[in-house]
């Protein structure tokens, strides 16, 4: 569950503000519920979700195991020899002419590839030195425009929320007297029902008592 960072005014405006004793009782109930769930409750609203180990791929698990077993070991997944200057193959004089020619051709091909890569990198660095600053500034300007647009949308959404909250408050204030009247009528009705049930229970007991007395009087006369 996401962490609770905002509080929305969603409670009825016509309800009376709880007293200090009521707030203390509610806080005690919440603390008791939290204590019963324990500190490792994954459903607690203020705690981030627990990490799932199933999200790791087998390669990541293997790499974590390797680093844990040997923290000082280096990652050998990248071949850095391709960025080094090529060297002539050794032992050319002892090879046949065809083999020496093939070895030299392979070394020359590697040298051409390295030279092409380095030339491309130099070109990219030159372009970055010439136009990188302006491109970075333009990118920042575009990001600032996006941020301003998002801030305008956020301000508009907050104004809409305030308008809705004011409308809710106005509607509830207008309906407050009627709701309070209905609440009082309901309470009086429930009270009358309870009083009627209590009176009926008392009358039933009186009837039973009269019947018992009559039964005892009949037995005494016989």
N, C-alpha and C. Protein backbone atom coordinates (compact mmCIF):
# COMPACT_ATOMS: atom_id res chain seq x y z
N UNK A 1 0.84 -1.18 0.00
CA UNK A 1 0.00 0.00 0.00
C UNK A 1 0.88 1.24 0.00
N UNK A 2 0.43 2.30 -0.65
CA UNK A 2 1.22 3.51 -0.65
C UNK A 2 1.20 4.19 0.70
N UNK A 3 2.27 4.95 1.02
CA UNK A 3 2.32 5.67 2.27
C UNK A 3 1.32 6.80 2.27
N UNK A 4 0.76 7.09 3.45
CA UNK A 4 -0.22 8.16 3.59
C UNK A 4 0.53 9.47 3.70
N UNK A 5 0.38 10.36 2.72
CA UNK A 5 1.06 11.65 2.72
C UNK A 5 0.10 12.82 2.68
N UNK A 6 -1.17 12.59 2.38
CA UNK A 6 -2.15 13.67 2.29
C UNK A 6 -3.39 13.27 3.06
N UNK A 7 -4.13 14.29 3.48
CA UNK A 7 -5.38 14.09 4.19
C UNK A 7 -6.46 14.86 3.46
N UNK A 8 -7.53 14.18 3.07
CA UNK A 8 -8.62 14.80 2.36
C UNK A 8 -9.78 15.06 3.32
N UNK A 9 -10.43 16.20 3.17
CA UNK A 9 -11.58 16.53 4.00
C UNK A 9 -12.80 15.82 3.44
N UNK A 10 -12.98 14.58 3.88
CA UNK A 10 -14.10 13.79 3.38
C UNK A 10 -15.14 13.52 4.44
N UNK A 11 -14.88 13.97 5.69
CA UNK A 11 -15.85 13.75 6.74
C UNK A 11 -17.00 14.76 6.62
N UNK A 12 -18.17 14.42 7.13
CA UNK A 12 -19.30 15.36 7.08
C UNK A 12 -18.99 16.63 7.87
N UNK A 13 -19.39 17.77 7.33
CA UNK A 13 -19.15 19.04 8.00
C UNK A 13 -20.15 19.30 9.12
N UNK A 14 -21.29 18.63 9.08
CA UNK A 14 -22.33 18.92 10.06
C UNK A 14 -22.13 18.14 11.35
N UNK A 15 -21.20 17.16 11.35
CA UNK A 15 -20.93 16.42 12.58
C UNK A 15 -20.18 17.30 13.56
N UNK A 16 -20.45 17.09 14.82
CA UNK A 16 -19.76 17.86 15.85
C UNK A 16 -18.32 17.37 15.99
N UNK A 17 -17.45 18.27 16.42
CA UNK A 17 -16.05 17.93 16.60
C UNK A 17 -15.91 16.97 17.79
N UNK A 18 -15.16 15.88 17.62
CA UNK A 18 -15.01 14.93 18.74
C UNK A 18 -14.28 15.57 19.91
N UNK A 19 -14.65 15.14 21.09
CA UNK A 19 -14.01 15.65 22.30
C UNK A 19 -12.65 15.00 22.50
N UNK A 20 -11.91 15.51 23.47
CA UNK A 20 -10.59 14.95 23.77
C UNK A 20 -10.69 13.50 24.23
N UNK A 21 -11.72 13.21 25.01
CA UNK A 21 -11.90 11.83 25.47
C UNK A 21 -12.22 10.90 24.31
N UNK A 22 -13.06 11.36 23.37
CA UNK A 22 -13.39 10.53 22.20
C UNK A 22 -12.16 10.32 21.32
N UNK A 23 -11.37 11.35 21.14
CA UNK A 23 -10.14 11.19 20.36
C UNK A 23 -9.18 10.22 21.04
N UNK A 24 -9.05 10.33 22.37
CA UNK A 24 -8.17 9.42 23.09
C UNK A 24 -8.65 7.98 22.98
N UNK A 25 -9.98 7.78 23.05
CA UNK A 25 -10.51 6.42 22.92
C UNK A 25 -10.26 5.86 21.52
N UNK A 26 -10.43 6.69 20.48
CA UNK A 26 -10.18 6.25 19.11
C UNK A 26 -8.70 5.93 18.91
N UNK A 27 -7.83 6.77 19.46
CA UNK A 27 -6.38 6.52 19.34
C UNK A 27 -5.99 5.24 20.05
N UNK A 28 -6.61 4.98 21.20
CA UNK A 28 -6.31 3.74 21.92
C UNK A 28 -6.74 2.52 21.12
N UNK A 29 -7.89 2.59 20.46
CA UNK A 29 -8.33 1.48 19.63
C UNK A 29 -7.39 1.26 18.45
N UNK A 30 -6.93 2.33 17.83
CA UNK A 30 -6.00 2.22 16.69
C UNK A 30 -4.67 1.62 17.15
N UNK A 31 -4.16 2.09 18.30
CA UNK A 31 -2.89 1.55 18.82
C UNK A 31 -3.03 0.07 19.16
N UNK A 32 -4.18 -0.31 19.71
CA UNK A 32 -4.38 -1.72 20.04
C UNK A 32 -4.43 -2.58 18.78
N UNK A 33 -5.05 -2.06 17.72
CA UNK A 33 -5.11 -2.80 16.45
C UNK A 33 -3.73 -2.93 15.84
N UNK A 34 -2.93 -1.87 15.91
CA UNK A 34 -1.57 -1.94 15.37
C UNK A 34 -0.71 -2.90 16.18
N UNK A 35 -0.87 -2.90 17.51
CA UNK A 35 -0.08 -3.80 18.33
C UNK A 35 -0.44 -5.25 18.08
N UNK A 36 -1.71 -5.52 17.76
CA UNK A 36 -2.11 -6.90 17.50
C UNK A 36 -1.57 -7.42 16.18
N UNK A 37 -1.35 -6.52 15.20
CA UNK A 37 -0.84 -6.94 13.90
C UNK A 37 0.67 -7.10 13.88
N UNK A 38 1.38 -6.47 14.82
CA UNK A 38 2.83 -6.63 14.87
C UNK A 38 3.55 -5.61 14.01
N UNK A 39 4.86 -5.45 14.22
CA UNK A 39 5.62 -4.44 13.47
C UNK A 39 5.86 -4.80 12.02
N UNK A 40 5.71 -6.07 11.67
CA UNK A 40 5.99 -6.52 10.30
C UNK A 40 4.70 -6.68 9.49
N UNK A 41 3.70 -5.92 9.84
CA UNK A 41 2.43 -6.02 9.12
C UNK A 41 2.60 -5.43 7.73
N UNK A 42 2.44 -6.27 6.69
CA UNK A 42 2.62 -5.79 5.31
C UNK A 42 1.46 -4.93 4.85
N UNK A 43 0.33 -4.97 5.57
CA UNK A 43 -0.84 -4.22 5.14
C UNK A 43 -0.97 -2.89 5.88
N UNK A 44 0.05 -2.53 6.66
CA UNK A 44 0.00 -1.26 7.35
C UNK A 44 0.12 -0.13 6.32
N UNK A 45 -0.72 0.88 6.46
CA UNK A 45 -0.77 1.94 5.45
C UNK A 45 0.48 2.80 5.45
N UNK A 46 1.19 2.87 6.58
CA UNK A 46 2.36 3.74 6.66
C UNK A 46 3.65 3.03 6.29
N UNK A 47 3.58 1.74 5.97
CA UNK A 47 4.78 0.98 5.62
C UNK A 47 4.83 0.73 4.12
N UNK A 48 6.01 0.79 3.52
CA UNK A 48 6.12 0.47 2.09
C UNK A 48 5.91 -1.02 1.88
N UNK A 49 5.56 -1.41 0.68
CA UNK A 49 5.37 -2.84 0.43
C UNK A 49 6.68 -3.60 0.58
N UNK A 50 6.56 -4.84 1.03
CA UNK A 50 7.74 -5.67 1.22
C UNK A 50 8.37 -6.02 -0.13
N UNK A 51 9.69 -6.01 -0.22
CA UNK A 51 10.33 -6.37 -1.49
C UNK A 51 10.09 -7.84 -1.82
N UNK A 52 9.89 -8.08 -3.09
CA UNK A 52 9.63 -9.44 -3.53
C UNK A 52 10.89 -10.00 -4.17
N UNK A 53 11.39 -11.12 -3.62
CA UNK A 53 12.60 -11.74 -4.18
C UNK A 53 12.32 -12.38 -5.53
N UNK A 54 11.04 -12.65 -5.83
CA UNK A 54 10.73 -13.28 -7.11
C UNK A 54 10.95 -12.35 -8.29
N UNK A 55 11.13 -11.01 -8.01
CA UNK A 55 11.33 -10.07 -9.10
C UNK A 55 12.75 -10.12 -9.66
N UNK A 56 13.67 -10.79 -8.95
CA UNK A 56 15.05 -10.88 -9.42
C UNK A 56 15.18 -11.99 -10.45
N UNK A 57 15.88 -11.68 -11.51
CA UNK A 57 16.11 -12.68 -12.54
C UNK A 57 17.21 -13.64 -12.10
N UNK A 58 17.29 -14.80 -12.71
CA UNK A 58 18.38 -15.73 -12.34
C UNK A 58 19.77 -15.14 -12.49
N UNK A 59 19.98 -14.28 -13.51
CA UNK A 59 21.29 -13.67 -13.68
C UNK A 59 21.62 -12.73 -12.51
N UNK A 60 20.62 -11.93 -12.08
CA UNK A 60 20.86 -11.04 -10.95
C UNK A 60 21.11 -11.84 -9.67
N UNK A 61 20.35 -12.91 -9.48
CA UNK A 61 20.59 -13.73 -8.29
C UNK A 61 21.98 -14.34 -8.32
N UNK A 62 22.42 -14.80 -9.49
CA UNK A 62 23.76 -15.37 -9.60
C UNK A 62 24.83 -14.31 -9.34
N UNK A 63 24.62 -13.09 -9.85
CA UNK A 63 25.59 -12.03 -9.64
C UNK A 63 25.64 -11.62 -8.18
N UNK A 64 24.48 -11.54 -7.52
CA UNK A 64 24.47 -11.22 -6.09
C UNK A 64 25.17 -12.29 -5.28
N UNK A 65 24.97 -13.55 -5.65
CA UNK A 65 25.66 -14.63 -4.95
C UNK A 65 27.16 -14.55 -5.17
N UNK A 66 27.59 -14.20 -6.40
CA UNK A 66 29.03 -14.09 -6.67
C UNK A 66 29.66 -12.96 -5.87
N UNK A 67 28.98 -11.79 -5.85
CA UNK A 67 29.53 -10.66 -5.10
C UNK A 67 29.55 -10.96 -3.60
N UNK A 68 28.50 -11.63 -3.12
CA UNK A 68 28.47 -11.98 -1.70
C UNK A 68 29.58 -12.96 -1.34
N UNK A 69 29.88 -13.90 -2.25
CA UNK A 69 30.94 -14.87 -1.98
C UNK A 69 32.32 -14.25 -2.07
N UNK A 70 32.49 -13.31 -3.02
CA UNK A 70 33.80 -12.67 -3.20
C UNK A 70 33.60 -11.19 -3.47
N UNK A 71 33.46 -10.37 -2.44
CA UNK A 71 33.18 -8.94 -2.66
C UNK A 71 34.27 -8.20 -3.43
N UNK A 72 35.52 -8.66 -3.34
CA UNK A 72 36.63 -7.95 -4.00
C UNK A 72 36.79 -8.33 -5.46
N UNK A 73 36.02 -9.29 -5.94
CA UNK A 73 36.18 -9.72 -7.33
C UNK A 73 35.58 -8.69 -8.27
N UNK A 74 36.16 -8.58 -9.45
CA UNK A 74 35.70 -7.62 -10.44
C UNK A 74 34.79 -8.30 -11.45
N UNK A 75 33.91 -7.50 -12.00
CA UNK A 75 33.00 -8.00 -13.02
C UNK A 75 33.75 -8.12 -14.35
N UNK A 76 33.77 -9.31 -14.90
CA UNK A 76 34.50 -9.56 -16.14
C UNK A 76 33.57 -9.70 -17.34
N UNK A 77 32.40 -9.11 -17.24
CA UNK A 77 31.46 -9.24 -18.34
C UNK A 77 31.84 -8.36 -19.53
N UNK A 78 32.61 -7.28 -19.30
CA UNK A 78 33.02 -6.37 -20.36
C UNK A 78 34.45 -6.71 -20.79
N UNK A 79 34.62 -6.84 -22.06
CA UNK A 79 35.93 -7.12 -22.63
C UNK A 79 36.60 -5.79 -22.95
N UNK A 80 37.57 -5.40 -22.13
CA UNK A 80 38.23 -4.11 -22.32
C UNK A 80 39.36 -4.17 -23.34
N UNK A 81 39.67 -5.36 -23.84
CA UNK A 81 40.77 -5.46 -24.79
C UNK A 81 40.43 -4.80 -26.12
N UNK A 82 39.13 -4.66 -26.42
CA UNK A 82 38.75 -4.04 -27.68
C UNK A 82 39.09 -2.55 -27.72
N UNK A 83 39.30 -1.95 -26.54
CA UNK A 83 39.63 -0.53 -26.49
C UNK A 83 41.13 -0.30 -26.40
N UNK A 84 41.92 -1.36 -26.45
CA UNK A 84 43.37 -1.23 -26.40
C UNK A 84 43.95 -1.22 -27.81
N UNK A 85 45.12 -0.64 -27.91
CA UNK A 85 45.79 -0.58 -29.22
C UNK A 85 46.21 -2.00 -29.63
N UNK A 86 45.88 -2.39 -30.84
CA UNK A 86 46.24 -3.76 -31.27
C UNK A 86 47.75 -3.90 -31.44
N UNK A 87 48.25 -5.09 -31.24
CA UNK A 87 49.67 -5.38 -31.38
C UNK A 87 49.86 -6.43 -32.47
N UNK A 88 51.03 -6.42 -33.04
CA UNK A 88 51.35 -7.42 -34.05
C UNK A 88 51.41 -8.81 -33.43
N UNK A 89 50.88 -9.78 -34.11
CA UNK A 89 50.98 -11.15 -33.58
C UNK A 89 52.43 -11.60 -33.52
N UNK A 90 52.74 -12.32 -32.49
CA UNK A 90 54.12 -12.79 -32.29
C UNK A 90 54.35 -14.10 -33.04
N UNK A 91 55.61 -14.38 -33.33
CA UNK A 91 55.98 -15.64 -33.97
C UNK A 91 55.63 -15.70 -35.45
N UNK A 92 55.60 -14.54 -36.14
CA UNK A 92 55.26 -14.57 -37.56
C UNK A 92 56.38 -15.21 -38.39
N UNK A 93 57.60 -15.04 -37.94
CA UNK A 93 58.72 -15.58 -38.73
C UNK A 93 58.73 -17.09 -38.76
N UNK A 94 58.17 -17.71 -37.76
CA UNK A 94 58.18 -19.18 -37.71
C UNK A 94 56.98 -19.79 -38.40
N UNK A 95 56.06 -18.96 -38.90
CA UNK A 95 54.85 -19.47 -39.56
C UNK A 95 55.04 -19.51 -41.07
N UNK A 96 54.31 -20.36 -41.72
CA UNK A 96 54.33 -20.33 -43.18
C UNK A 96 53.84 -18.99 -43.70
N UNK A 97 54.13 -18.72 -44.95
CA UNK A 97 53.78 -17.42 -45.53
C UNK A 97 52.28 -17.20 -45.53
N UNK A 98 51.51 -18.24 -45.88
CA UNK A 98 50.06 -18.08 -45.92
C UNK A 98 49.48 -17.83 -44.53
N UNK A 99 49.99 -18.55 -43.53
CA UNK A 99 49.51 -18.35 -42.17
C UNK A 99 49.91 -16.97 -41.63
N UNK A 100 51.13 -16.55 -41.94
CA UNK A 100 51.58 -15.23 -41.49
C UNK A 100 50.73 -14.13 -42.13
N UNK A 101 50.41 -14.33 -43.46
CA UNK A 101 49.57 -13.35 -44.15
C UNK A 101 48.17 -13.30 -43.52
N UNK A 102 47.62 -14.45 -43.16
CA UNK A 102 46.29 -14.47 -42.55
C UNK A 102 46.32 -13.81 -41.17
N UNK A 103 47.38 -14.05 -40.40
CA UNK A 103 47.49 -13.43 -39.08
C UNK A 103 47.62 -11.92 -39.20
N UNK A 104 48.43 -11.47 -40.18
CA UNK A 104 48.57 -10.03 -40.39
C UNK A 104 47.27 -9.41 -40.87
N UNK A 105 46.52 -10.13 -41.72
CA UNK A 105 45.24 -9.60 -42.20
C UNK A 105 44.25 -9.46 -41.05
N UNK A 106 44.22 -10.46 -40.15
CA UNK A 106 43.32 -10.38 -39.00
C UNK A 106 43.71 -9.23 -38.09
N UNK A 107 45.03 -9.06 -37.85
CA UNK A 107 45.49 -7.95 -37.02
C UNK A 107 45.17 -6.61 -37.66
N UNK A 108 45.33 -6.53 -39.02
CA UNK A 108 45.01 -5.29 -39.72
C UNK A 108 43.52 -4.98 -39.64
N UNK A 109 42.67 -6.02 -39.74
CA UNK A 109 41.23 -5.80 -39.63
C UNK A 109 40.87 -5.27 -38.24
N UNK A 110 41.49 -5.85 -37.21
CA UNK A 110 41.23 -5.36 -35.85
C UNK A 110 41.72 -3.93 -35.69
N UNK A 111 42.85 -3.61 -36.31
CA UNK A 111 43.36 -2.24 -36.22
C UNK A 111 42.43 -1.28 -36.92
N UNK A 112 41.89 -1.66 -38.10
CA UNK A 112 40.93 -0.79 -38.80
C UNK A 112 39.67 -0.57 -37.96
N UNK A 113 39.17 -1.65 -37.32
CA UNK A 113 37.98 -1.52 -36.50
C UNK A 113 38.23 -0.61 -35.31
N UNK A 114 39.39 -0.77 -34.65
CA UNK A 114 39.72 0.09 -33.52
C UNK A 114 39.88 1.54 -33.95
N UNK A 115 40.55 1.73 -35.13
CA UNK A 115 40.72 3.09 -35.63
C UNK A 115 39.38 3.74 -35.98
N UNK A 116 38.47 2.95 -36.57
CA UNK A 116 37.13 3.48 -36.89
C UNK A 116 36.37 3.84 -35.63
N UNK A 117 36.47 3.00 -34.62
CA UNK A 117 35.77 3.29 -33.37
C UNK A 117 36.32 4.56 -32.72
N UNK A 118 37.66 4.66 -32.68
CA UNK A 118 38.27 5.84 -32.06
C UNK A 118 37.94 7.10 -32.85
N UNK A 119 37.94 7.01 -34.18
CA UNK A 119 37.58 8.18 -35.00
C UNK A 119 36.14 8.59 -34.74
N UNK A 120 35.26 7.61 -34.64
CA UNK A 120 33.87 7.94 -34.33
C UNK A 120 33.73 8.59 -32.96
N UNK A 121 34.46 8.06 -31.98
CA UNK A 121 34.40 8.67 -30.65
C UNK A 121 34.94 10.09 -30.68
N UNK A 122 36.00 10.34 -31.41
CA UNK A 122 36.54 11.70 -31.50
C UNK A 122 35.53 12.62 -32.17
N UNK A 123 34.88 12.14 -33.21
CA UNK A 123 33.86 12.96 -33.87
C UNK A 123 32.71 13.29 -32.90
N UNK A 124 32.26 12.28 -32.17
CA UNK A 124 31.17 12.51 -31.21
C UNK A 124 31.59 13.49 -30.12
N UNK A 125 32.85 13.34 -29.64
CA UNK A 125 33.31 14.27 -28.61
C UNK A 125 33.42 15.68 -29.15
N UNK A 126 33.84 15.83 -30.41
CA UNK A 126 33.92 17.16 -31.01
C UNK A 126 32.53 17.77 -31.15
N UNK A 127 31.56 16.97 -31.59
CA UNK A 127 30.18 17.47 -31.69
C UNK A 127 29.63 17.84 -30.32
N UNK A 128 29.96 17.00 -29.32
CA UNK A 128 29.48 17.30 -27.96
C UNK A 128 30.11 18.58 -27.44
N UNK A 129 31.39 18.79 -27.76
CA UNK A 129 32.04 20.01 -27.31
C UNK A 129 31.48 21.24 -28.01
N UNK A 130 31.06 21.08 -29.26
CA UNK A 130 30.55 22.24 -30.03
C UNK A 130 29.08 22.53 -29.72
N UNK A 131 28.26 21.47 -29.64
CA UNK A 131 26.81 21.68 -29.53
C UNK A 131 26.20 21.08 -28.26
N UNK A 132 27.03 20.43 -27.43
CA UNK A 132 26.47 19.79 -26.25
C UNK A 132 25.87 20.77 -25.25
N UNK A 133 26.56 21.91 -25.05
CA UNK A 133 26.06 22.89 -24.09
C UNK A 133 24.71 23.43 -24.52
N UNK A 134 24.60 23.81 -25.80
CA UNK A 134 23.33 24.35 -26.28
C UNK A 134 22.22 23.28 -26.21
N UNK A 135 22.56 22.04 -26.57
CA UNK A 135 21.56 20.97 -26.50
C UNK A 135 21.11 20.74 -25.06
N UNK A 136 22.07 20.82 -24.13
CA UNK A 136 21.73 20.65 -22.72
C UNK A 136 20.82 21.78 -22.24
N UNK A 137 21.13 23.02 -22.65
CA UNK A 137 20.30 24.16 -22.26
C UNK A 137 18.91 24.05 -22.86
N UNK A 138 18.84 23.64 -24.14
CA UNK A 138 17.53 23.47 -24.77
C UNK A 138 16.72 22.38 -24.07
N UNK A 139 17.41 21.29 -23.72
CA UNK A 139 16.71 20.23 -22.99
C UNK A 139 16.20 20.70 -21.65
N UNK A 140 17.02 21.49 -20.93
CA UNK A 140 16.56 22.04 -19.65
C UNK A 140 15.38 22.98 -19.84
N UNK A 141 15.42 23.78 -20.92
CA UNK A 141 14.30 24.70 -21.20
C UNK A 141 13.02 23.92 -21.47
N UNK A 142 13.13 22.84 -22.23
CA UNK A 142 11.95 22.02 -22.48
C UNK A 142 11.43 21.36 -21.21
N UNK A 143 12.35 20.88 -20.37
CA UNK A 143 11.92 20.29 -19.10
C UNK A 143 11.25 21.32 -18.20
N UNK A 144 11.78 22.55 -18.19
CA UNK A 144 11.15 23.60 -17.40
C UNK A 144 9.74 23.89 -17.90
N UNK A 145 9.58 23.86 -19.23
CA UNK A 145 8.23 24.05 -19.77
C UNK A 145 7.28 22.94 -19.34
N UNK A 146 7.78 21.70 -19.37
CA UNK A 146 6.94 20.57 -18.91
C UNK A 146 6.59 20.72 -17.44
N UNK A 147 7.59 21.15 -16.63
CA UNK A 147 7.33 21.33 -15.20
C UNK A 147 6.29 22.42 -14.97
N UNK A 148 6.40 23.51 -15.70
CA UNK A 148 5.42 24.59 -15.54
C UNK A 148 4.02 24.12 -15.95
N UNK A 149 3.94 23.33 -17.01
CA UNK A 149 2.64 22.82 -17.43
C UNK A 149 2.04 21.90 -16.37
N UNK A 150 2.88 21.03 -15.80
CA UNK A 150 2.40 20.13 -14.74
C UNK A 150 1.98 20.92 -13.51
N UNK A 151 2.76 21.97 -13.17
CA UNK A 151 2.38 22.80 -12.02
C UNK A 151 1.07 23.52 -12.26
N UNK A 152 0.82 23.97 -13.49
CA UNK A 152 -0.47 24.59 -13.80
C UNK A 152 -1.61 23.59 -13.66
N UNK A 153 -1.39 22.37 -14.15
CA UNK A 153 -2.42 21.34 -14.00
C UNK A 153 -2.66 21.02 -12.53
N UNK A 154 -1.58 20.96 -11.75
CA UNK A 154 -1.73 20.68 -10.32
C UNK A 154 -2.50 21.80 -9.62
N UNK A 155 -2.17 23.05 -9.95
CA UNK A 155 -2.89 24.17 -9.35
C UNK A 155 -4.37 24.15 -9.75
N UNK A 156 -4.64 23.81 -11.01
CA UNK A 156 -6.02 23.72 -11.46
C UNK A 156 -6.77 22.61 -10.73
N UNK A 157 -6.10 21.46 -10.55
CA UNK A 157 -6.74 20.36 -9.82
C UNK A 157 -7.00 20.73 -8.37
N UNK A 158 -6.06 21.44 -7.75
CA UNK A 158 -6.27 21.87 -6.37
C UNK A 158 -7.42 22.87 -6.27
N UNK A 159 -7.51 23.78 -7.23
CA UNK A 159 -8.64 24.72 -7.21
C UNK A 159 -9.96 23.96 -7.38
N UNK A 160 -9.97 22.95 -8.27
CA UNK A 160 -11.19 22.17 -8.45
C UNK A 160 -11.55 21.42 -7.17
N UNK A 161 -10.54 20.90 -6.47
CA UNK A 161 -10.80 20.21 -5.20
C UNK A 161 -11.36 21.17 -4.17
N UNK A 162 -10.81 22.39 -4.12
CA UNK A 162 -11.32 23.39 -3.17
C UNK A 162 -12.76 23.76 -3.51
N UNK A 163 -13.06 23.88 -4.80
CA UNK A 163 -14.43 24.23 -5.20
C UNK A 163 -15.39 23.11 -4.80
N UNK A 164 -14.99 21.87 -5.05
CA UNK A 164 -15.84 20.73 -4.68
C UNK A 164 -16.04 20.68 -3.16
N UNK A 165 -14.95 20.94 -2.39
CA UNK A 165 -15.07 20.93 -0.94
C UNK A 165 -16.02 22.02 -0.46
N UNK A 166 -15.93 23.21 -1.06
CA UNK A 166 -16.85 24.28 -0.69
C UNK A 166 -18.29 23.94 -1.05
N UNK A 167 -18.49 23.34 -2.22
CA UNK A 167 -19.83 22.91 -2.60
C UNK A 167 -20.37 21.86 -1.64
N UNK A 168 -19.52 20.90 -1.25
CA UNK A 168 -19.96 19.89 -0.29
C UNK A 168 -20.34 20.53 1.04
N UNK A 169 -19.48 21.46 1.49
CA UNK A 169 -19.77 22.11 2.76
C UNK A 169 -21.05 22.92 2.70
N UNK A 170 -21.27 23.64 1.59
CA UNK A 170 -22.48 24.43 1.46
C UNK A 170 -23.71 23.54 1.40
N UNK A 171 -23.61 22.43 0.64
CA UNK A 171 -24.76 21.52 0.55
C UNK A 171 -25.06 20.87 1.89
N UNK A 172 -24.01 20.51 2.63
CA UNK A 172 -24.24 19.89 3.92
C UNK A 172 -24.76 20.89 4.95
N UNK A 173 -24.28 22.13 4.87
CA UNK A 173 -24.81 23.15 5.79
C UNK A 173 -26.28 23.42 5.51
N UNK A 174 -26.66 23.41 4.23
CA UNK A 174 -28.07 23.64 3.90
C UNK A 174 -28.94 22.46 4.35
N UNK A 175 -28.40 21.24 4.21
CA UNK A 175 -29.18 20.07 4.61
C UNK A 175 -29.01 19.72 6.07
N UNK A 176 -28.14 20.46 6.80
CA UNK A 176 -27.88 20.15 8.19
C UNK A 176 -29.11 20.18 9.08
N UNK A 177 -29.90 21.27 9.06
CA UNK A 177 -31.08 21.31 9.93
C UNK A 177 -32.05 20.16 9.66
N UNK A 178 -32.27 19.85 8.39
CA UNK A 178 -33.17 18.74 8.07
C UNK A 178 -32.61 17.42 8.59
N UNK A 179 -31.30 17.19 8.39
CA UNK A 179 -30.70 15.95 8.88
C UNK A 179 -30.76 15.87 10.40
N UNK A 180 -30.51 17.00 11.06
CA UNK A 180 -30.59 16.99 12.52
C UNK A 180 -32.02 16.71 12.98
N UNK A 181 -33.01 17.30 12.27
CA UNK A 181 -34.39 17.02 12.63
C UNK A 181 -34.74 15.55 12.43
N UNK A 182 -34.29 15.00 11.31
CA UNK A 182 -34.55 13.57 11.07
C UNK A 182 -33.84 12.71 12.12
N UNK A 183 -32.63 13.12 12.50
CA UNK A 183 -31.91 12.35 13.52
C UNK A 183 -32.65 12.39 14.86
N UNK A 184 -33.12 13.58 15.23
CA UNK A 184 -33.87 13.68 16.49
C UNK A 184 -35.17 12.90 16.42
N UNK A 185 -35.86 12.95 15.26
CA UNK A 185 -37.09 12.18 15.11
C UNK A 185 -36.80 10.69 15.21
N UNK A 186 -35.73 10.26 14.59
CA UNK A 186 -35.37 8.83 14.66
C UNK A 186 -35.04 8.43 16.09
N UNK A 187 -34.30 9.29 16.81
CA UNK A 187 -33.97 8.97 18.19
C UNK A 187 -35.23 8.91 19.06
N UNK A 188 -36.14 9.86 18.83
CA UNK A 188 -37.39 9.82 19.61
C UNK A 188 -38.19 8.57 19.27
N UNK A 189 -38.20 8.18 17.98
CA UNK A 189 -38.93 6.98 17.60
C UNK A 189 -38.33 5.74 18.24
N UNK A 190 -37.00 5.65 18.22
CA UNK A 190 -36.34 4.50 18.86
C UNK A 190 -36.61 4.51 20.36
N UNK A 191 -36.55 5.69 20.96
CA UNK A 191 -36.83 5.77 22.39
C UNK A 191 -38.25 5.33 22.71
N UNK A 192 -39.21 5.74 21.87
CA UNK A 192 -40.59 5.33 22.11
C UNK A 192 -40.76 3.82 21.92
N UNK A 193 -40.05 3.27 20.91
CA UNK A 193 -40.13 1.83 20.70
C UNK A 193 -39.60 1.09 21.92
N UNK A 194 -38.45 1.57 22.44
CA UNK A 194 -37.89 0.93 23.63
C UNK A 194 -38.82 1.09 24.83
N UNK A 195 -39.41 2.30 24.98
CA UNK A 195 -40.34 2.49 26.09
C UNK A 195 -41.56 1.58 25.94
N UNK A 196 -42.04 1.43 24.70
CA UNK A 196 -43.19 0.55 24.47
C UNK A 196 -42.83 -0.90 24.78
N UNK A 197 -41.66 -1.33 24.33
CA UNK A 197 -41.24 -2.70 24.63
C UNK A 197 -41.07 -2.91 26.13
N UNK A 198 -40.49 -1.91 26.82
CA UNK A 198 -40.34 -2.03 28.28
C UNK A 198 -41.70 -2.10 28.97
N UNK A 199 -42.66 -1.24 28.51
CA UNK A 199 -44.00 -1.27 29.10
C UNK A 199 -44.69 -2.59 28.82
N UNK A 200 -44.53 -3.11 27.58
CA UNK A 200 -45.15 -4.39 27.25
C UNK A 200 -44.55 -5.51 28.09
N UNK A 201 -43.22 -5.45 28.31
CA UNK A 201 -42.59 -6.46 29.15
C UNK A 201 -43.09 -6.37 30.59
N UNK A 202 -43.24 -5.13 31.09
CA UNK A 202 -43.78 -4.98 32.44
C UNK A 202 -45.21 -5.48 32.55
N UNK A 203 -46.03 -5.17 31.54
CA UNK A 203 -47.41 -5.66 31.53
C UNK A 203 -47.44 -7.17 31.46
N UNK A 204 -46.56 -7.77 30.66
CA UNK A 204 -46.53 -9.24 30.57
C UNK A 204 -46.18 -9.84 31.91
N UNK A 205 -45.22 -9.23 32.61
CA UNK A 205 -44.86 -9.75 33.93
C UNK A 205 -46.01 -9.59 34.92
N UNK A 206 -46.72 -8.46 34.83
CA UNK A 206 -47.87 -8.29 35.72
C UNK A 206 -48.93 -9.34 35.44
N UNK A 207 -49.18 -9.62 34.16
CA UNK A 207 -50.17 -10.65 33.82
C UNK A 207 -49.73 -12.00 34.35
N UNK A 208 -48.47 -12.32 34.19
CA UNK A 208 -47.98 -13.60 34.71
C UNK A 208 -48.09 -13.67 36.23
N UNK A 209 -47.81 -12.52 36.89
CA UNK A 209 -47.93 -12.51 38.33
C UNK A 209 -49.37 -12.71 38.77
N UNK A 210 -50.33 -12.06 38.07
CA UNK A 210 -51.75 -12.22 38.41
C UNK A 210 -52.17 -13.66 38.19
N UNK A 211 -51.72 -14.24 37.06
CA UNK A 211 -52.08 -15.63 36.80
C UNK A 211 -51.50 -16.55 37.88
N UNK A 212 -50.26 -16.26 38.31
CA UNK A 212 -49.67 -17.10 39.34
C UNK A 212 -50.42 -16.98 40.66
N UNK A 213 -50.82 -15.74 41.00
CA UNK A 213 -51.59 -15.57 42.23
C UNK A 213 -52.92 -16.27 42.16
N UNK A 214 -53.59 -16.20 41.01
CA UNK A 214 -54.88 -16.89 40.86
C UNK A 214 -54.69 -18.40 40.96
N UNK A 215 -53.60 -18.88 40.34
CA UNK A 215 -53.37 -20.30 40.42
C UNK A 215 -53.10 -20.74 41.85
N UNK A 216 -52.34 -19.95 42.59
CA UNK A 216 -52.08 -20.30 43.98
C UNK A 216 -53.33 -20.21 44.83
N UNK A 217 -54.22 -19.20 44.54
CA UNK A 217 -55.49 -19.09 45.27
C UNK A 217 -56.41 -20.26 44.98
N UNK A 218 -56.46 -20.73 43.74
CA UNK A 218 -57.27 -21.89 43.39
C UNK A 218 -56.80 -23.15 44.11
N UNK A 219 -55.50 -23.31 44.19
CA UNK A 219 -54.96 -24.49 44.88
C UNK A 219 -55.27 -24.41 46.36
N UNK A 220 -55.24 -23.18 46.95
CA UNK A 220 -55.53 -23.05 48.38
C UNK A 220 -56.97 -23.35 48.70
N UNK A 221 -57.91 -22.92 47.81
CA UNK A 221 -59.33 -23.20 48.06
C UNK A 221 -59.64 -24.68 47.92
N UNK A 222 -58.96 -25.36 47.00
CA UNK A 222 -59.22 -26.80 46.84
C UNK A 222 -58.59 -27.59 48.00
